[in-house]
Amino acid sequence: MRRGTLALVATGLLLTGSAAACGGDDGGAASGGTPATKTPRVGVILPDSASSNRWETADRKFLKEAFDAAGVQSDIQNAQNDKNRFQTIADQMITNGATVLMIVNLDSGTGKAVLDNAKNKGVATIDYDRLTLGGSAQYYVSFDNVGVGKLQGEGLVKCLTDKNAKTPVVAELNGAPTDNNATLFKQGYDSVLKPKYDSGDYKKGPDQSVPEWNNAQGGTIFEQMLTQTGGKIDGVLAANDGLGNAVISVLKKNKLNGRVPVTGQDATVEGLQNILAGDQCMTVYKAIKQEAQAAAELAIGLAKGEKKTAPQTLKDPESGRDVPSVLLAPKLIYKENVKDVIADGFVTKEQVCTAALADACPAAGIS
């Protein structure tokens, strides 16, 4: 699924006259374009800023840059994990003349209602980063999220192997049960870990989801896991860097940080610093700039009444619909290649290499 995607995005998405390429079934705005008489305007709804700072520090920035470069008006707002606010923002954007609505849903129920309302009002739609199950978005732009989970599982296996862990007890701290991405991540890392459990190489420990990706709640859940097992947890599959940091905070209180490998995802500044400090074993880097540019390119096309062919499709497991998609390839990051994330411009050396990491950064080849 991942191969060749970056090249396809880099060379541009293809223009086509086929309405089917956009997943629509009529000739109006909702099937692949907006009337040329309307001023192109894109509304974007981001989910929150607490579960991961990427939404405000990366996605907002890169989306706005892409829309501004194309001369297309945009309105980017954050729902701050409030479903009522999410729906209100969507209604306001449509009332204010949005010709395209791009959303990162808080859950599929809320997302579907917003997408269906937009479609009924002739507004084109895109699912960004998270697929809305049973939804009507004309495109889906994200990463190979099962692939992300596989990298997390492979990363944890490597880190446990490096520590010569014998029959390690592995705890899983999963993302929000309402987020389809969290389901896909778990599908990916369980495909790596389950054979280890089945063979007896690893022992499956506590396995729990964290409502709304809430980091504070994730820390509480992990503390309960640690108590439940009498402190016998040898590795933690944490679904993202925020949850990973919550786990590390608990491990620090118990003087176990650095001894228990912890995974992550998103290559946040905090996550990269935890890796350099030896408290987190890996993260997954997703090139948000490429994701934002691919989504913006599709949105700009829709806003101008153009129909573009996406390079892939993804089957919606709820509706069975093949959703035209752009699915980018993630990258596994350990201490030795943290420098790659900095070199790509996702974060800066100044952000990552604080005084506390004055020795760790040069040792990891960051100069």
Protein backbone atom coordinates (compact mmCIF):
# COMPACT_ATOMS: atom_id res chain seq x y z
CA MET A 1 0.00 0.00 0.00
CA ARG A 2 2.81 2.39 0.82
CA ARG A 3 5.14 1.87 -2.13
CA GLY A 4 5.39 4.57 -4.70
CA THR A 5 2.96 6.88 -2.94
CA LEU A 6 5.44 9.65 -2.28
CA ALA A 7 6.46 9.74 -5.91
CA LEU A 8 2.83 9.93 -6.99
CA VAL A 9 2.17 12.82 -4.66
CA ALA A 10 5.39 14.58 -5.62
CA THR A 11 4.54 14.49 -9.30
CA GLY A 12 1.02 15.72 -8.69
CA LEU A 13 -2.39 14.11 -8.68
CA LEU A 14 -3.94 13.46 -12.05
CA LEU A 15 -6.80 15.44 -13.51
CA THR A 16 -9.66 13.40 -14.88
CA GLY A 17 -13.20 13.86 -16.08
CA SER A 18 -14.43 10.84 -14.14
CA ALA A 19 -16.79 11.67 -11.31
CA ALA A 20 -16.22 8.19 -9.94
CA ALA A 21 -12.64 9.14 -9.15
CA CYS A 22 -13.99 11.47 -6.50
CA GLY A 23 -16.51 9.01 -5.17
CA GLY A 24 -19.52 11.14 -6.12
CA ASP A 25 -22.61 10.22 -8.08
CA ASP A 26 -23.84 13.50 -9.50
CA GLY A 27 -22.49 16.43 -11.43
CA GLY A 28 -22.78 19.02 -8.68
CA ALA A 29 -20.30 20.36 -6.19
CA ALA A 30 -20.62 17.35 -3.93
CA SER A 31 -19.43 14.95 -6.63
CA GLY A 32 -16.08 16.44 -7.38
CA GLY A 33 -16.03 20.16 -7.92
CA THR A 34 -17.68 23.48 -7.19
CA PRO A 35 -19.38 25.75 -9.67
CA ALA A 36 -16.93 28.14 -11.27
CA THR A 37 -19.14 31.07 -10.18
CA LYS A 38 -18.31 30.48 -6.51
CA THR A 39 -15.19 31.93 -4.89
CA PRO A 40 -12.91 29.01 -3.95
CA ARG A 41 -12.79 28.80 -0.16
CA VAL A 42 -11.64 25.86 1.97
CA GLY A 43 -12.70 25.24 5.56
CA VAL A 44 -10.53 22.96 7.70
CA ILE A 45 -11.51 21.58 11.12
CA LEU A 46 -8.68 20.21 13.26
CA PRO A 47 -9.57 17.94 16.21
CA ASP A 48 -7.71 19.30 19.28
CA SER A 49 -4.36 20.49 20.54
CA ALA A 50 -4.04 18.35 23.67
CA SER A 51 -3.62 14.81 22.33
CA SER A 52 -0.75 15.86 20.05
CA ASN A 53 0.73 19.28 19.35
CA ARG A 54 1.17 18.35 15.67
CA TRP A 55 -2.26 19.74 14.78
CA GLU A 56 -1.31 23.30 15.67
CA THR A 57 2.45 23.29 15.10
CA ALA A 58 2.52 21.32 11.83
CA ASP A 59 -0.82 20.65 10.13
CA ARG A 60 -2.23 24.16 10.51
CA LYS A 61 1.03 25.73 9.33
CA PHE A 62 1.54 23.52 6.28
CA LEU A 63 -2.09 23.61 5.17
CA LYS A 64 -2.23 27.40 5.37
CA GLU A 65 1.05 27.73 3.46
CA ALA A 66 -0.31 25.52 0.66
CA PHE A 67 -3.61 27.42 0.39
CA ASP A 68 -1.89 30.80 0.49
CA ALA A 69 0.58 29.75 -2.22
CA ALA A 70 -2.36 28.80 -4.47
CA GLY A 71 -4.21 32.03 -3.73
CA VAL A 72 -7.15 30.13 -2.24
CA GLN A 73 -8.99 31.50 0.78
CA SER A 74 -8.93 29.23 3.82
CA ASP A 75 -10.42 29.12 7.30
CA ILE A 76 -8.63 26.70 9.66
CA GLN A 77 -10.17 26.16 13.10
CA ASN A 78 -9.68 23.72 15.97
CA ALA A 79 -12.62 21.99 17.67
CA GLN A 80 -10.57 21.35 20.85
CA ASN A 81 -12.15 17.91 21.28
CA ASP A 82 -15.67 19.37 21.61
CA LYS A 83 -18.24 17.62 19.37
CA ASN A 84 -20.78 20.43 19.61
CA ARG A 85 -18.10 22.96 18.74
CA PHE A 86 -17.03 20.75 15.82
CA GLN A 87 -20.54 20.80 14.35
CA THR A 88 -20.97 24.52 15.01
CA ILE A 89 -17.69 25.33 13.23
CA ALA A 90 -18.75 23.23 10.24
CA ASP A 91 -22.13 24.99 10.01
CA GLN A 92 -20.46 28.40 10.24
CA MET A 93 -17.93 27.53 7.55
CA ILE A 94 -20.68 26.42 5.17
CA THR A 95 -22.74 29.53 5.95
CA ASN A 96 -19.67 31.68 5.31
CA GLY A 97 -19.25 30.25 1.83
CA ALA A 98 -16.87 27.32 2.13
CA THR A 99 -16.83 25.42 -1.16
CA VAL A 100 -14.73 22.59 0.32
CA LEU A 101 -14.76 21.23 3.87
CA MET A 102 -11.79 19.21 5.15
CA ILE A 103 -12.19 17.54 8.53
CA VAL A 104 -10.28 15.49 11.09
CA ASN A 105 -13.20 13.82 12.84
CA LEU A 106 -13.54 13.46 16.61
CA ASP A 107 -15.52 10.29 16.04
CA SER A 108 -17.20 8.77 13.00
CA GLY A 109 -20.75 9.62 14.13
CA THR A 110 -20.09 13.35 14.43
CA GLY A 111 -17.90 13.34 11.34
CA LYS A 112 -20.54 11.57 9.22
CA ALA A 113 -23.23 14.07 10.23
CA VAL A 114 -20.99 16.98 9.23
CA LEU A 115 -19.93 15.39 5.93
CA ASP A 116 -23.48 14.45 4.96
CA ASN A 117 -24.76 17.94 5.75
CA ALA A 118 -21.99 19.46 3.64
CA LYS A 119 -22.76 17.13 0.74
CA ASN A 120 -26.46 18.00 0.91
CA LYS A 121 -25.54 21.68 0.66
CA GLY A 122 -23.28 21.21 -2.35
CA VAL A 123 -19.99 21.48 -0.46
CA ALA A 124 -17.17 19.13 -1.45
CA THR A 125 -15.53 17.14 1.37
CA ILE A 126 -12.22 15.53 2.35
CA ASP A 127 -11.34 13.29 5.30
CA TYR A 128 -7.92 14.39 6.56
CA ASP A 129 -5.75 11.98 8.56
CA ARG A 130 -8.74 10.01 9.98
CA LEU A 131 -11.29 8.12 7.88
CA THR A 132 -14.90 8.78 8.85
CA LEU A 133 -16.50 5.33 8.88
CA GLY A 134 -19.71 5.27 6.85
CA GLY A 135 -18.96 8.82 5.73
CA SER A 136 -19.31 10.49 2.35
CA ALA A 137 -15.97 12.28 1.91
CA GLN A 138 -14.77 12.37 -1.67
CA TYR A 139 -11.14 11.81 -0.68
CA TYR A 140 -9.15 10.47 2.25
CA VAL A 141 -5.59 11.69 2.85
CA SER A 142 -3.47 10.06 5.54
CA PHE A 143 -0.66 7.58 6.12
CA ASP A 144 -0.62 3.81 5.89
CA ASN A 145 -1.85 3.51 9.46
CA VAL A 146 -1.60 -0.28 9.69
CA GLY A 147 1.98 0.26 8.52
CA VAL A 148 2.49 2.81 11.31
CA GLY A 149 1.40 0.20 13.86
CA LYS A 150 3.69 -2.42 12.35
CA LEU A 151 6.64 -0.07 12.75
CA GLN A 152 5.69 0.46 16.39
CA GLY A 153 5.57 -3.29 16.97
CA GLU A 154 8.87 -3.85 15.15
CA GLY A 155 10.45 -1.01 17.12
CA LEU A 156 9.41 -2.48 20.45
CA VAL A 157 10.71 -5.92 19.44
CA LYS A 158 14.10 -4.42 18.54
CA CYS A 159 14.30 -2.46 21.78
CA LEU A 160 13.41 -5.51 23.90
CA THR A 161 15.96 -7.59 21.95
CA ASP A 162 18.63 -4.93 22.56
CA LYS A 163 17.93 -5.20 26.29
CA ASN A 164 18.12 -9.00 26.15
CA ALA A 165 14.68 -9.20 27.75
CA LYS A 166 13.67 -12.79 28.59
CA THR A 167 9.94 -13.52 28.16
CA PRO A 168 9.09 -9.84 28.64
CA VAL A 169 5.65 -8.75 29.83
CA VAL A 170 4.30 -6.23 27.31
CA ALA A 171 1.59 -3.70 28.13
CA GLU A 172 -0.41 -2.01 25.37
CA LEU A 173 -1.74 1.52 25.82
CA ASN A 174 -3.94 2.09 22.79
CA GLY A 175 -5.41 5.27 21.33
CA ALA A 176 -9.03 6.38 21.49
CA PRO A 177 -11.56 3.61 20.74
CA THR A 178 -13.58 6.14 18.70
CA ASP A 179 -10.65 6.87 16.35
CA ASN A 180 -10.41 4.49 13.39
CA ASN A 181 -6.69 5.28 13.13
CA ALA A 182 -6.17 3.87 16.63
CA THR A 183 -7.87 0.67 15.48
CA LEU A 184 -5.54 0.48 12.48
CA PHE A 185 -2.43 1.17 14.58
CA LYS A 186 -3.40 -1.65 16.93
CA GLN A 187 -4.06 -3.97 14.01
CA GLY A 188 -0.53 -3.23 12.83
CA TYR A 189 1.35 -3.69 16.10
CA ASP A 190 -0.70 -6.70 17.17
CA SER A 191 0.25 -8.37 13.88
CA VAL A 192 3.87 -8.16 15.11
CA LEU A 193 3.31 -8.87 18.81
CA LYS A 194 0.67 -11.63 18.67
CA PRO A 195 3.04 -14.22 17.18
CA LYS A 196 5.43 -13.41 20.04
CA TYR A 197 2.66 -13.99 22.58
CA ASP A 198 1.50 -17.18 20.85
CA SER A 199 5.02 -18.63 20.78
CA GLY A 200 5.62 -17.84 24.43
CA ASP A 201 8.52 -15.50 23.62
CA TYR A 202 6.57 -12.61 25.14
CA LYS A 203 3.86 -12.53 27.81
CA LYS A 204 0.84 -10.38 27.03
CA GLY A 205 0.24 -7.88 29.81
CA PRO A 206 -2.53 -5.31 30.34
CA ASP A 207 -4.13 -4.00 27.15
CA GLN A 208 -6.33 -0.90 27.36
CA SER A 209 -7.53 1.99 25.21
CA VAL A 210 -7.32 5.61 26.33
CA PRO A 211 -10.51 7.63 25.84
CA GLU A 212 -10.00 10.65 23.56
CA TRP A 213 -6.22 10.09 23.52
CA ASN A 214 -6.20 11.88 26.90
CA ASN A 215 -2.60 11.88 28.10
CA ALA A 216 -3.43 12.46 31.77
CA GLN A 217 -5.89 9.60 31.71
CA GLY A 218 -3.32 7.48 29.90
CA GLY A 219 -0.87 8.07 32.75
CA THR A 220 -3.49 7.03 35.30
CA ILE A 221 -4.33 3.89 33.33
CA PHE A 222 -0.67 2.92 33.06
CA GLU A 223 -0.12 3.51 36.77
CA GLN A 224 -2.97 1.07 37.40
CA MET A 225 -1.36 -1.39 34.98
CA LEU A 226 1.91 -1.18 36.87
CA THR A 227 0.16 -1.76 40.20
CA GLN A 228 -1.90 -4.62 38.76
CA THR A 229 1.22 -6.46 37.60
CA GLY A 230 3.26 -5.74 40.73
CA GLY A 231 5.64 -3.60 38.69
CA LYS A 232 6.33 -6.45 36.26
CA ILE A 233 6.04 -4.67 32.92
CA ASP A 234 9.06 -4.99 30.65
CA GLY A 235 7.89 -3.07 27.57
CA VAL A 236 5.10 -0.65 26.70
CA LEU A 237 3.45 -0.24 23.33
CA ALA A 238 2.21 3.34 23.72
CA ALA A 239 0.22 4.44 20.69
CA ASN A 240 1.70 7.95 20.38
CA ASP A 241 4.34 10.22 21.88
CA GLY A 242 1.86 11.91 24.21
CA LEU A 243 0.82 8.62 25.78
CA GLY A 244 4.45 7.52 25.73
CA ASN A 245 5.42 10.58 27.75
CA ALA A 246 2.63 9.87 30.22
CA VAL A 247 4.03 6.34 30.65
CA ILE A 248 7.56 7.69 31.08
CA SER A 249 6.39 10.07 33.81
CA VAL A 250 5.01 7.09 35.76
CA LEU A 251 8.16 5.06 35.14
CA LYS A 252 10.28 7.96 36.43
CA LYS A 253 8.31 8.04 39.67
CA ASN A 254 9.08 4.34 40.06
CA LYS A 255 12.73 4.71 38.95
CA LEU A 256 12.08 2.46 35.96
CA ASN A 257 12.61 4.94 33.12
CA GLY A 258 15.25 3.83 30.66
CA ARG A 259 14.89 0.24 31.81
CA VAL A 260 11.45 -0.31 30.24
CA PRO A 261 11.26 0.36 26.47
CA VAL A 262 8.38 2.66 25.51
CA THR A 263 7.15 3.32 21.97
CA GLY A 264 5.56 6.40 20.46
CA GLN A 265 4.39 8.05 17.27
CA ASP A 266 4.34 11.53 15.66
CA ALA A 267 8.02 12.49 16.18
CA THR A 268 7.05 15.34 18.48
CA VAL A 269 9.76 17.47 20.06
CA GLU A 270 8.95 15.87 23.41
CA GLY A 271 9.07 12.37 21.92
CA LEU A 272 12.41 12.99 20.21
CA GLN A 273 13.84 14.41 23.42
CA ASN A 274 12.67 11.34 25.32
CA ILE A 275 14.42 9.15 22.75
CA LEU A 276 17.67 11.10 23.01
CA ALA A 277 17.46 10.92 26.81
CA GLY A 278 17.08 7.12 26.62
CA ASP A 279 13.57 7.06 28.11
CA GLN A 280 11.70 6.24 24.87
CA CYS A 281 12.93 3.64 22.44
CA MET A 282 11.37 4.83 19.16
CA THR A 283 8.76 6.95 17.45
CA VAL A 284 7.18 7.00 14.01
CA TYR A 285 7.82 10.01 11.80
CA LYS A 286 5.00 10.97 9.50
CA ALA A 287 5.92 13.71 7.05
CA ILE A 288 3.00 16.01 7.89
CA LYS A 289 4.10 18.56 5.30
CA GLN A 290 3.61 15.99 2.53
CA GLU A 291 0.24 14.96 3.97
CA ALA A 292 -0.90 18.58 4.19
CA GLN A 293 0.32 19.37 0.67
CA ALA A 294 -1.44 16.33 -0.80
CA ALA A 295 -4.70 17.20 0.95
CA ALA A 296 -4.42 20.86 0.01
CA GLU A 297 -3.82 19.96 -3.63
CA LEU A 298 -7.02 17.92 -3.71
CA ALA A 299 -8.96 20.60 -1.83
CA ILE A 300 -7.73 23.36 -4.15
CA GLY A 301 -8.78 21.27 -7.14
CA LEU A 302 -12.26 20.72 -5.71
CA ALA A 303 -12.58 24.39 -4.79
CA LYS A 304 -11.84 25.32 -8.42
CA GLY A 305 -14.27 22.75 -9.84
CA GLU A 306 -11.56 20.29 -10.88
CA LYS A 307 -11.68 16.54 -10.38
CA LYS A 308 -8.45 14.76 -9.55
CA THR A 309 -7.66 11.06 -9.42
CA ALA A 310 -6.14 9.84 -6.18
CA PRO A 311 -3.39 7.22 -6.53
CA GLN A 312 -5.03 4.68 -4.20
CA THR A 313 -8.32 3.61 -2.67
CA LEU A 314 -9.15 2.45 0.83
CA LYS A 315 -12.23 0.38 1.61
CA ASP A 316 -14.46 1.85 4.29
CA PRO A 317 -15.07 -1.18 6.54
CA GLU A 318 -18.50 0.13 7.52
CA SER A 319 -20.01 1.07 4.16
CA GLY A 320 -17.81 -1.05 1.89
CA ARG A 321 -17.15 2.03 -0.27
CA ASP A 322 -13.76 2.33 -1.95
CA VAL A 323 -12.63 5.81 -0.94
CA PRO A 324 -10.14 7.54 -3.29
CA SER A 325 -7.09 8.00 -1.09
CA VAL A 326 -3.55 9.26 -0.70
CA LEU A 327 -1.71 7.07 1.83
CA LEU A 328 1.83 8.13 2.63
CA ALA A 329 4.68 6.02 3.98
CA PRO A 330 5.74 6.42 7.66
CA LYS A 331 9.34 6.13 8.91
CA LEU A 332 10.72 4.38 11.99
CA ILE A 333 12.89 6.62 14.19
CA TYR A 334 15.42 5.47 16.78
CA LYS A 335 18.07 7.52 18.57
CA GLU A 336 20.52 7.14 15.68
CA ASN A 337 18.22 8.73 13.09
CA VAL A 338 16.48 11.45 15.11
CA LYS A 339 18.67 13.72 13.00
CA ASP A 340 16.62 12.74 9.91
CA VAL A 341 13.51 14.38 11.36
CA ILE A 342 15.47 17.58 11.98
CA ALA A 343 17.05 17.45 8.52
CA ASP A 344 13.56 17.18 6.99
CA GLY A 345 12.59 20.46 8.64
CA PHE A 346 9.79 18.98 10.75
CA VAL A 347 11.42 20.21 13.97
CA THR A 348 14.51 22.31 14.58
CA LYS A 349 17.74 21.49 16.37
CA GLU A 350 17.05 24.43 18.69
CA GLN A 351 13.69 22.96 19.71
CA VAL A 352 15.07 19.49 20.39
CA CYS A 353 18.56 20.08 21.71
CA THR A 354 18.01 21.82 25.01
CA ALA A 355 20.72 22.21 27.65
CA ALA A 356 19.69 18.91 29.21
CA LEU A 357 20.59 17.17 25.93
CA ALA A 358 23.86 19.03 25.30
CA ASP A 359 25.79 15.76 25.20
CA ALA A 360 23.08 13.49 23.79
CA CYS A 361 22.55 15.50 20.60
CA PRO A 362 26.15 15.42 19.32
CA ALA A 363 26.33 11.73 20.30
CA ALA A 364 23.32 11.11 18.03
CA GLY A 365 25.00 12.96 15.14
CA ILE A 366 23.03 16.18 15.59
CA SER A 367 25.41 19.08 15.13
